[in-house]
Amino acid sequence: MWEIGVSNQAVTFLLSVLAGIVYCVFYDVLRALRKAGFNSFIATFITDIIYWVIIAFATFLFLLARTNGEIRGYVLLASLLGFVICRATFSKPLLKIMSFIMIWMVKILRLIHCGFYRFYDGFLLAFSKVSTKFVKSTRLTLKKLKKLLKNRYSMLYTKENEKTSRNGDG
């Protein structure tokens, strides 16, 4: 078992409380996203799983760095204490602020999204008109060219020219 001094234990305890506060703020971000409209059952389910995987990995890394990977009860309790303290004090005003920001961000992104698609639809409409005119004019030009070549071909190879060219006269 790895020995840890009292001063290191105190620092580890305080850092664990701070980690719990960070975990709570991260969860409040997810709660604000839910209030902004991402609140379907599947979205909630997936974000909760991702949240717990990230928190478990962060706690594992914290235990690895501070206690050489040994699970210490006071570290887990301190993280829980930090989460509860943050949830009881900072969470409500922080959630209101983040929800307000997220709702406005969603509105702004929707405006940008709608504007982009209006521009995109206008561009496609203009492109389709230009390409349709181009295809029609190209077909017309090819028909004229084909007709012109057909006329030229018939002028070059008349029956009289064929007879003289076969005989080698001329």
N, C-alpha and C. Protein backbone atom coordinates (compact mmCIF):
# COMPACT_ATOMS: atom_id res chain seq x y z
N MET A 1 0.85 -1.18 0.00
CA MET A 1 0.00 0.00 0.00
C MET A 1 0.88 1.23 0.00
N TRP A 2 0.50 2.20 -0.79
CA TRP A 2 1.28 3.41 -0.97
C TRP A 2 0.96 4.37 0.15
N GLU A 3 2.00 4.90 0.78
CA GLU A 3 1.82 5.84 1.89
C GLU A 3 1.59 7.24 1.35
N ILE A 4 0.65 7.92 1.93
CA ILE A 4 0.35 9.30 1.55
C ILE A 4 0.33 10.12 2.82
N GLY A 5 1.04 11.23 2.82
CA GLY A 5 1.14 12.07 4.01
C GLY A 5 -0.15 12.83 4.27
N VAL A 6 -0.23 13.40 5.48
CA VAL A 6 -1.44 14.12 5.88
C VAL A 6 -1.63 15.36 5.02
N SER A 7 -0.56 16.07 4.71
CA SER A 7 -0.69 17.27 3.88
C SER A 7 -1.14 16.89 2.47
N ASN A 8 -0.61 15.79 1.94
CA ASN A 8 -1.05 15.33 0.62
C ASN A 8 -2.50 14.86 0.65
N GLN A 9 -2.92 14.27 1.77
CA GLN A 9 -4.30 13.85 1.90
C GLN A 9 -5.23 15.06 1.92
N ALA A 10 -4.80 16.13 2.60
CA ALA A 10 -5.62 17.34 2.66
C ALA A 10 -5.74 17.97 1.27
N VAL A 11 -4.63 18.03 0.55
CA VAL A 11 -4.65 18.58 -0.80
C VAL A 11 -5.52 17.71 -1.71
N THR A 12 -5.38 16.40 -1.57
CA THR A 12 -6.19 15.48 -2.36
C THR A 12 -7.67 15.64 -2.03
N PHE A 13 -8.00 15.83 -0.77
CA PHE A 13 -9.39 16.04 -0.36
C PHE A 13 -9.94 17.31 -1.00
N LEU A 14 -9.19 18.41 -0.93
CA LEU A 14 -9.66 19.67 -1.52
C LEU A 14 -9.77 19.58 -3.04
N LEU A 15 -8.82 18.91 -3.67
CA LEU A 15 -8.90 18.72 -5.11
C LEU A 15 -10.09 17.84 -5.49
N SER A 16 -10.42 16.88 -4.62
CA SER A 16 -11.59 16.03 -4.87
C SER A 16 -12.87 16.83 -4.77
N VAL A 17 -12.93 17.75 -3.79
CA VAL A 17 -14.10 18.63 -3.68
C VAL A 17 -14.22 19.49 -4.94
N LEU A 18 -13.10 20.02 -5.39
CA LEU A 18 -13.09 20.82 -6.61
C LEU A 18 -13.51 19.98 -7.82
N ALA A 19 -13.05 18.75 -7.89
CA ALA A 19 -13.45 17.86 -8.98
C ALA A 19 -14.96 17.62 -8.94
N GLY A 20 -15.53 17.45 -7.77
CA GLY A 20 -16.98 17.27 -7.64
C GLY A 20 -17.73 18.50 -8.12
N ILE A 21 -17.20 19.68 -7.85
CA ILE A 21 -17.82 20.92 -8.33
C ILE A 21 -17.77 20.97 -9.85
N VAL A 22 -16.65 20.58 -10.42
CA VAL A 22 -16.51 20.56 -11.88
C VAL A 22 -17.48 19.55 -12.48
N TYR A 23 -17.63 18.39 -11.85
CA TYR A 23 -18.59 17.39 -12.32
C TYR A 23 -20.01 17.95 -12.32
N CYS A 24 -20.36 18.71 -11.28
CA CYS A 24 -21.69 19.30 -11.18
C CYS A 24 -21.90 20.35 -12.28
N VAL A 25 -20.89 21.17 -12.52
CA VAL A 25 -21.02 22.20 -13.58
C VAL A 25 -21.17 21.52 -14.94
N PHE A 26 -20.43 20.46 -15.16
CA PHE A 26 -20.55 19.71 -16.42
C PHE A 26 -21.96 19.13 -16.56
N TYR A 27 -22.51 18.62 -15.46
CA TYR A 27 -23.87 18.08 -15.51
C TYR A 27 -24.89 19.20 -15.73
N ASP A 28 -24.63 20.38 -15.18
CA ASP A 28 -25.52 21.52 -15.41
C ASP A 28 -25.51 21.94 -16.88
N VAL A 29 -24.39 21.79 -17.54
CA VAL A 29 -24.34 22.07 -18.98
C VAL A 29 -25.28 21.11 -19.72
N LEU A 30 -25.25 19.85 -19.33
CA LEU A 30 -26.16 18.89 -19.96
C LEU A 30 -27.62 19.22 -19.64
N ARG A 31 -27.89 19.66 -18.41
CA ARG A 31 -29.25 20.04 -18.05
C ARG A 31 -29.70 21.27 -18.86
N ALA A 32 -28.79 22.21 -19.09
CA ALA A 32 -29.12 23.39 -19.89
C ALA A 32 -29.41 23.00 -21.33
N LEU A 33 -28.66 22.04 -21.85
CA LEU A 33 -28.94 21.55 -23.20
C LEU A 33 -30.33 20.94 -23.28
N ARG A 34 -30.72 20.24 -22.23
CA ARG A 34 -32.06 19.65 -22.21
C ARG A 34 -33.13 20.73 -22.18
N LYS A 35 -32.88 21.79 -21.44
CA LYS A 35 -33.85 22.88 -21.40
C LYS A 35 -33.91 23.64 -22.72
N ALA A 36 -32.82 23.59 -23.48
CA ALA A 36 -32.77 24.30 -24.76
C ALA A 36 -33.46 23.52 -25.87
N GLY A 37 -33.88 22.30 -25.59
CA GLY A 37 -34.63 21.57 -26.59
C GLY A 37 -34.12 20.19 -26.91
N PHE A 38 -32.98 19.82 -26.39
CA PHE A 38 -32.43 18.48 -26.64
C PHE A 38 -32.87 17.55 -25.51
N ASN A 39 -34.17 17.33 -25.42
CA ASN A 39 -34.69 16.61 -24.26
C ASN A 39 -35.48 15.36 -24.62
N SER A 40 -35.20 14.77 -25.74
CA SER A 40 -35.87 13.51 -26.07
C SER A 40 -35.30 12.40 -25.18
N PHE A 41 -36.03 11.32 -25.11
CA PHE A 41 -35.61 10.21 -24.26
C PHE A 41 -34.26 9.66 -24.70
N ILE A 42 -34.08 9.52 -25.99
CA ILE A 42 -32.83 8.95 -26.51
C ILE A 42 -31.66 9.90 -26.26
N ALA A 43 -31.88 11.21 -26.48
CA ALA A 43 -30.81 12.18 -26.23
C ALA A 43 -30.42 12.20 -24.76
N THR A 44 -31.41 12.15 -23.88
CA THR A 44 -31.13 12.14 -22.44
C THR A 44 -30.38 10.87 -22.07
N PHE A 45 -30.81 9.76 -22.58
CA PHE A 45 -30.19 8.47 -22.28
C PHE A 45 -28.72 8.46 -22.72
N ILE A 46 -28.48 8.90 -23.94
CA ILE A 46 -27.12 8.88 -24.48
C ILE A 46 -26.22 9.87 -23.76
N THR A 47 -26.73 11.09 -23.50
CA THR A 47 -25.88 12.07 -22.81
C THR A 47 -25.59 11.64 -21.38
N ASP A 48 -26.54 10.99 -20.71
CA ASP A 48 -26.26 10.50 -19.36
C ASP A 48 -25.19 9.41 -19.36
N ILE A 49 -25.27 8.52 -20.33
CA ILE A 49 -24.24 7.47 -20.42
C ILE A 49 -22.88 8.09 -20.70
N ILE A 50 -22.83 9.03 -21.64
CA ILE A 50 -21.56 9.69 -21.96
C ILE A 50 -21.04 10.44 -20.74
N TYR A 51 -21.94 11.11 -20.02
CA TYR A 51 -21.54 11.85 -18.82
C TYR A 51 -20.89 10.90 -17.80
N TRP A 52 -21.55 9.78 -17.52
CA TRP A 52 -21.01 8.89 -16.49
C TRP A 52 -19.72 8.22 -16.94
N VAL A 53 -19.57 7.95 -18.20
CA VAL A 53 -18.32 7.37 -18.69
C VAL A 53 -17.19 8.39 -18.54
N ILE A 54 -17.46 9.64 -18.89
CA ILE A 54 -16.43 10.69 -18.76
C ILE A 54 -16.08 10.92 -17.30
N ILE A 55 -17.08 10.97 -16.44
CA ILE A 55 -16.83 11.21 -15.02
C ILE A 55 -16.06 10.04 -14.41
N ALA A 56 -16.42 8.82 -14.77
CA ALA A 56 -15.69 7.65 -14.25
C ALA A 56 -14.25 7.67 -14.71
N PHE A 57 -14.02 8.01 -15.96
CA PHE A 57 -12.65 8.07 -16.48
C PHE A 57 -11.87 9.20 -15.81
N ALA A 58 -12.51 10.36 -15.61
CA ALA A 58 -11.82 11.48 -14.96
C ALA A 58 -11.49 11.13 -13.51
N THR A 59 -12.41 10.46 -12.82
CA THR A 59 -12.15 10.05 -11.43
C THR A 59 -11.02 9.02 -11.39
N PHE A 60 -11.02 8.10 -12.32
CA PHE A 60 -9.94 7.12 -12.39
C PHE A 60 -8.59 7.80 -12.60
N LEU A 61 -8.55 8.76 -13.53
CA LEU A 61 -7.29 9.48 -13.76
C LEU A 61 -6.88 10.28 -12.53
N PHE A 62 -7.86 10.87 -11.85
CA PHE A 62 -7.56 11.62 -10.63
C PHE A 62 -6.99 10.69 -9.56
N LEU A 63 -7.62 9.53 -9.38
CA LEU A 63 -7.10 8.56 -8.39
C LEU A 63 -5.72 8.06 -8.80
N LEU A 64 -5.51 7.89 -10.08
CA LEU A 64 -4.21 7.44 -10.56
C LEU A 64 -3.13 8.48 -10.28
N ALA A 65 -3.47 9.75 -10.46
CA ALA A 65 -2.48 10.82 -10.27
C ALA A 65 -2.23 11.11 -8.79
N ARG A 66 -3.28 11.11 -7.98
CA ARG A 66 -3.13 11.55 -6.58
C ARG A 66 -2.86 10.41 -5.60
N THR A 67 -3.42 9.23 -5.83
CA THR A 67 -3.27 8.14 -4.85
C THR A 67 -2.64 6.90 -5.46
N ASN A 68 -1.97 7.07 -6.56
CA ASN A 68 -1.30 5.98 -7.26
C ASN A 68 -2.28 4.89 -7.68
N GLY A 69 -3.50 5.28 -7.98
CA GLY A 69 -4.50 4.35 -8.47
C GLY A 69 -5.29 3.63 -7.39
N GLU A 70 -4.99 3.86 -6.14
CA GLU A 70 -5.73 3.20 -5.07
C GLU A 70 -7.03 3.95 -4.80
N ILE A 71 -8.08 3.19 -4.62
CA ILE A 71 -9.37 3.81 -4.35
C ILE A 71 -9.40 4.18 -2.87
N ARG A 72 -9.52 5.45 -2.62
CA ARG A 72 -9.61 5.96 -1.23
C ARG A 72 -11.02 6.47 -1.02
N GLY A 73 -11.62 6.07 0.05
CA GLY A 73 -12.99 6.44 0.35
C GLY A 73 -13.19 7.93 0.50
N TYR A 74 -12.21 8.60 1.14
CA TYR A 74 -12.36 10.04 1.35
C TYR A 74 -12.32 10.82 0.04
N VAL A 75 -11.65 10.27 -0.98
CA VAL A 75 -11.61 10.94 -2.28
C VAL A 75 -13.00 10.88 -2.93
N LEU A 76 -13.62 9.71 -2.90
CA LEU A 76 -14.95 9.57 -3.49
C LEU A 76 -15.98 10.39 -2.72
N LEU A 77 -15.89 10.38 -1.37
CA LEU A 77 -16.82 11.17 -0.56
C LEU A 77 -16.61 12.67 -0.78
N ALA A 78 -15.36 13.09 -0.95
CA ALA A 78 -15.09 14.50 -1.19
C ALA A 78 -15.64 14.93 -2.55
N SER A 79 -15.53 14.06 -3.56
CA SER A 79 -16.10 14.38 -4.88
C SER A 79 -17.62 14.51 -4.77
N LEU A 80 -18.24 13.60 -4.04
CA LEU A 80 -19.68 13.67 -3.82
C LEU A 80 -20.06 14.93 -3.05
N LEU A 81 -19.25 15.28 -2.06
CA LEU A 81 -19.49 16.49 -1.27
C LEU A 81 -19.41 17.74 -2.16
N GLY A 82 -18.41 17.81 -3.02
CA GLY A 82 -18.28 18.94 -3.94
C GLY A 82 -19.46 19.03 -4.89
N PHE A 83 -19.93 17.88 -5.38
CA PHE A 83 -21.09 17.86 -6.26
C PHE A 83 -22.32 18.38 -5.53
N VAL A 84 -22.53 17.90 -4.29
CA VAL A 84 -23.71 18.31 -3.52
C VAL A 84 -23.64 19.79 -3.16
N ILE A 85 -22.47 20.28 -2.78
CA ILE A 85 -22.31 21.70 -2.44
C ILE A 85 -22.62 22.57 -3.66
N CYS A 86 -22.08 22.20 -4.80
CA CYS A 86 -22.34 22.97 -6.02
C CYS A 86 -23.80 22.90 -6.40
N ARG A 87 -24.39 21.74 -6.26
CA ARG A 87 -25.81 21.58 -6.63
C ARG A 87 -26.70 22.39 -5.72
N ALA A 88 -26.34 22.50 -4.45
CA ALA A 88 -27.17 23.23 -3.49
C ALA A 88 -26.98 24.74 -3.59
N THR A 89 -25.82 25.20 -4.04
CA THR A 89 -25.55 26.64 -4.03
C THR A 89 -25.51 27.27 -5.42
N PHE A 90 -24.63 26.80 -6.27
CA PHE A 90 -24.38 27.46 -7.56
C PHE A 90 -25.27 26.97 -8.68
N SER A 91 -25.85 25.81 -8.52
CA SER A 91 -26.49 25.14 -9.64
C SER A 91 -27.68 25.91 -10.21
N LYS A 92 -28.57 26.42 -9.37
CA LYS A 92 -29.76 27.10 -9.87
C LYS A 92 -29.44 28.35 -10.68
N PRO A 93 -28.66 29.29 -10.14
CA PRO A 93 -28.36 30.47 -10.97
C PRO A 93 -27.51 30.13 -12.20
N LEU A 94 -26.59 29.19 -12.03
CA LEU A 94 -25.75 28.79 -13.15
C LEU A 94 -26.59 28.13 -14.24
N LEU A 95 -27.55 27.32 -13.83
CA LEU A 95 -28.44 26.66 -14.79
C LEU A 95 -29.30 27.69 -15.54
N LYS A 96 -29.79 28.71 -14.84
CA LYS A 96 -30.58 29.74 -15.50
C LYS A 96 -29.75 30.49 -16.54
N ILE A 97 -28.53 30.84 -16.16
CA ILE A 97 -27.65 31.57 -17.08
C ILE A 97 -27.31 30.71 -18.29
N MET A 98 -26.92 29.46 -18.03
CA MET A 98 -26.54 28.58 -19.14
C MET A 98 -27.75 28.25 -20.01
N SER A 99 -28.92 28.07 -19.42
CA SER A 99 -30.13 27.80 -20.21
C SER A 99 -30.44 28.98 -21.12
N PHE A 100 -30.35 30.18 -20.57
CA PHE A 100 -30.58 31.39 -21.36
C PHE A 100 -29.61 31.45 -22.53
N ILE A 101 -28.34 31.21 -22.25
CA ILE A 101 -27.32 31.24 -23.30
C ILE A 101 -27.57 30.15 -24.34
N MET A 102 -27.89 28.95 -23.89
CA MET A 102 -28.12 27.83 -24.81
C MET A 102 -29.35 28.08 -25.68
N ILE A 103 -30.42 28.60 -25.09
CA ILE A 103 -31.63 28.87 -25.86
C ILE A 103 -31.34 29.90 -26.95
N TRP A 104 -30.61 30.95 -26.60
CA TRP A 104 -30.26 31.96 -27.61
C TRP A 104 -29.31 31.40 -28.66
N MET A 105 -28.39 30.54 -28.24
CA MET A 105 -27.49 29.92 -29.21
C MET A 105 -28.27 29.05 -30.20
N VAL A 106 -29.26 28.31 -29.68
CA VAL A 106 -30.08 27.47 -30.56
C VAL A 106 -30.86 28.35 -31.52
N LYS A 107 -31.42 29.47 -31.03
CA LYS A 107 -32.16 30.37 -31.91
C LYS A 107 -31.26 30.95 -32.99
N ILE A 108 -30.08 31.37 -32.61
CA ILE A 108 -29.13 31.93 -33.57
C ILE A 108 -28.71 30.88 -34.59
N LEU A 109 -28.43 29.67 -34.11
CA LEU A 109 -28.04 28.61 -35.03
C LEU A 109 -29.17 28.24 -35.98
N ARG A 110 -30.41 28.28 -35.50
CA ARG A 110 -31.54 28.01 -36.38
C ARG A 110 -31.68 29.09 -37.44
N LEU A 111 -31.46 30.35 -37.05
CA LEU A 111 -31.51 31.44 -38.03
C LEU A 111 -30.42 31.27 -39.09
N ILE A 112 -29.24 30.94 -38.63
CA ILE A 112 -28.13 30.71 -39.56
C ILE A 112 -28.46 29.53 -40.46
N HIS A 113 -28.99 28.48 -39.87
CA HIS A 113 -29.36 27.28 -40.62
C HIS A 113 -30.40 27.61 -41.68
N CYS A 114 -31.45 28.34 -41.29
CA CYS A 114 -32.50 28.71 -42.24
C CYS A 114 -31.95 29.62 -43.34
N GLY A 115 -31.13 30.58 -42.95
CA GLY A 115 -30.52 31.48 -43.94
C GLY A 115 -29.63 30.72 -44.90
N PHE A 116 -28.88 29.78 -44.38
CA PHE A 116 -28.02 28.98 -45.25
C PHE A 116 -28.85 28.19 -46.24
N TYR A 117 -29.93 27.58 -45.77
CA TYR A 117 -30.74 26.78 -46.68
C TYR A 117 -31.52 27.64 -47.67
N ARG A 118 -31.89 28.84 -47.28
CA ARG A 118 -32.52 29.74 -48.25
C ARG A 118 -31.53 30.12 -49.34
N PHE A 119 -30.31 30.43 -48.93
CA PHE A 119 -29.26 30.74 -49.90
C PHE A 119 -28.99 29.53 -50.78
N TYR A 120 -28.91 28.37 -50.18
CA TYR A 120 -28.63 27.13 -50.90
C TYR A 120 -29.75 26.82 -51.89
N ASP A 121 -31.01 26.96 -51.45
CA ASP A 121 -32.14 26.72 -52.35
C ASP A 121 -32.14 27.72 -53.51
N GLY A 122 -31.86 28.99 -53.22
CA GLY A 122 -31.77 30.00 -54.27
C GLY A 122 -30.65 29.69 -55.25
N PHE A 123 -29.54 29.28 -54.73
CA PHE A 123 -28.40 28.92 -55.57
C PHE A 123 -28.75 27.73 -56.46
N LEU A 124 -29.40 26.71 -55.87
CA LEU A 124 -29.78 25.55 -56.68
C LEU A 124 -30.80 25.90 -57.75
N LEU A 125 -31.75 26.77 -57.40
CA LEU A 125 -32.74 27.18 -58.38
C LEU A 125 -32.08 27.93 -59.54
N ALA A 126 -31.20 28.87 -59.22
CA ALA A 126 -30.49 29.62 -60.26
C ALA A 126 -29.61 28.68 -61.10
N PHE A 127 -28.93 27.78 -60.42
CA PHE A 127 -28.06 26.84 -61.14
C PHE A 127 -28.87 25.94 -62.05
N SER A 128 -30.02 25.47 -61.58
CA SER A 128 -30.85 24.59 -62.42
C SER A 128 -31.39 25.35 -63.64
N LYS A 129 -31.76 26.63 -63.45
CA LYS A 129 -32.23 27.41 -64.60
C LYS A 129 -31.12 27.60 -65.62
N VAL A 130 -29.94 27.97 -65.14
CA VAL A 130 -28.81 28.20 -66.04
C VAL A 130 -28.42 26.91 -66.73
N SER A 131 -28.37 25.82 -65.98
CA SER A 131 -27.96 24.55 -66.59
C SER A 131 -29.01 24.05 -67.58
N THR A 132 -30.29 24.28 -67.29
CA THR A 132 -31.34 23.89 -68.23
C THR A 132 -31.20 24.67 -69.53
N LYS A 133 -30.99 25.99 -69.43
CA LYS A 133 -30.80 26.81 -70.62
C LYS A 133 -29.54 26.37 -71.38
N PHE A 134 -28.49 26.05 -70.66
CA PHE A 134 -27.25 25.61 -71.29
C PHE A 134 -27.46 24.30 -72.04
N VAL A 135 -28.17 23.37 -71.41
CA VAL A 135 -28.41 22.08 -72.06
C VAL A 135 -29.28 22.26 -73.29
N LYS A 136 -30.32 23.08 -73.20
CA LYS A 136 -31.18 23.32 -74.35
C LYS A 136 -30.40 23.97 -75.49
N SER A 137 -29.60 24.99 -75.17
CA SER A 137 -28.84 25.66 -76.23
C SER A 137 -27.79 24.72 -76.81
N THR A 138 -27.21 23.87 -76.00
CA THR A 138 -26.22 22.91 -76.50
C THR A 138 -26.88 21.90 -77.43
N ARG A 139 -28.05 21.41 -77.05
CA ARG A 139 -28.77 20.48 -77.93
C ARG A 139 -29.13 21.14 -79.26
N LEU A 140 -29.60 22.36 -79.19
CA LEU A 140 -29.96 23.09 -80.41
C LEU A 140 -28.73 23.29 -81.29
N THR A 141 -27.62 23.67 -80.68
CA THR A 141 -26.38 23.87 -81.43
C THR A 141 -25.92 22.56 -82.06
N LEU A 142 -26.02 21.47 -81.33
CA LEU A 142 -25.61 20.17 -81.88
C LEU A 142 -26.51 19.75 -83.04
N LYS A 143 -27.81 20.02 -82.92
CA LYS A 143 -28.72 19.71 -84.02
C LYS A 143 -28.35 20.51 -85.26
N LYS A 144 -28.08 21.81 -85.07
CA LYS A 144 -27.69 22.66 -86.20
C LYS A 144 -26.38 22.19 -86.81
N LEU A 145 -25.45 21.83 -85.96
CA LEU A 145 -24.15 21.36 -86.43
C LEU A 145 -24.30 20.05 -87.20
N LYS A 146 -25.14 19.17 -86.68
CA LYS A 146 -25.38 17.90 -87.36
C LYS A 146 -26.01 18.12 -88.73
N LYS A 147 -26.97 19.02 -88.78
CA LYS A 147 -27.64 19.34 -90.04
C LYS A 147 -26.64 19.95 -91.02
N LEU A 148 -25.81 20.85 -90.51
CA LEU A 148 -24.80 21.47 -91.36
C LEU A 148 -23.83 20.44 -91.91
N LEU A 149 -23.38 19.53 -91.06
CA LEU A 149 -22.46 18.48 -91.52
C LEU A 149 -23.14 17.54 -92.51
N LYS A 150 -24.41 17.26 -92.27
CA LYS A 150 -25.15 16.40 -93.18
C LYS A 150 -25.24 17.06 -94.57
N ASN A 151 -25.54 18.36 -94.59
CA ASN A 151 -25.60 19.08 -95.86
C ASN A 151 -24.24 19.10 -96.54
N ARG A 152 -23.21 19.33 -95.81
CA ARG A 152 -21.86 19.37 -96.38
C ARG A 152 -21.47 18.00 -96.90
N TYR A 153 -21.83 16.98 -96.17
CA TYR A 153 -21.52 15.61 -96.59
C TYR A 153 -22.24 15.29 -97.89
N SER A 154 -23.48 15.67 -98.00
CA SER A 154 -24.23 15.40 -99.23
C SER A 154 -23.67 16.22 -100.39
N MET A 155 -23.12 17.40 -100.14
CA MET A 155 -22.53 18.22 -101.19
C MET A 155 -21.22 17.62 -101.68
N LEU A 156 -20.43 17.04 -100.83
CA LEU A 156 -19.14 16.48 -101.20
C LEU A 156 -19.28 15.17 -101.96
N TYR A 157 -20.18 14.37 -101.53
CA TYR A 157 -20.29 13.03 -102.12
C TYR A 157 -21.60 12.89 -102.88
N THR A 158 -21.63 13.55 -103.98
CA THR A 158 -22.76 13.36 -104.88
C THR A 158 -22.45 12.17 -105.75
N LYS A 159 -23.39 11.75 -106.56
CA LYS A 159 -23.20 10.57 -107.39
C LYS A 159 -22.13 10.80 -108.46
N GLU A 160 -22.04 12.02 -108.96
CA GLU A 160 -21.04 12.30 -109.98
C GLU A 160 -19.64 12.23 -109.39
N ASN A 161 -19.49 12.79 -108.18
CA ASN A 161 -18.18 12.76 -107.54
C ASN A 161 -17.78 11.34 -107.21
N GLU A 162 -18.71 10.50 -106.88
CA GLU A 162 -18.39 9.12 -106.54
C GLU A 162 -17.86 8.39 -107.76
N LYS A 163 -18.45 8.61 -108.94
CA LYS A 163 -18.01 7.92 -110.14
C LYS A 163 -16.60 8.33 -110.52
N THR A 164 -16.33 9.62 -110.44
CA THR A 164 -15.00 10.09 -110.83
C THR A 164 -13.95 9.65 -109.83
N SER A 165 -14.30 9.61 -108.57
CA SER A 165 -13.30 9.22 -107.59
C SER A 165 -13.03 7.72 -107.65
N ARG A 166 -13.97 6.91 -108.14
CA ARG A 166 -13.75 5.47 -108.24
C ARG A 166 -12.87 5.14 -109.46
N ASN A 167 -13.11 5.88 -110.49
CA ASN A 167 -12.35 5.61 -111.71
C ASN A 167 -10.93 6.15 -111.65
N GLY A 168 -10.73 7.07 -110.76
CA GLY A 168 -9.42 7.66 -110.62
C GLY A 168 -9.19 8.78 -111.60
N ASP A 169 -10.26 9.34 -112.15
CA ASP A 169 -10.14 10.40 -113.11
C ASP A 169 -9.89 11.73 -112.45
N GLY A 170 -10.25 11.81 -111.32
CA GLY A 170 -10.11 12.99 -110.81
C GLY A 170 -10.21 13.92 -109.89
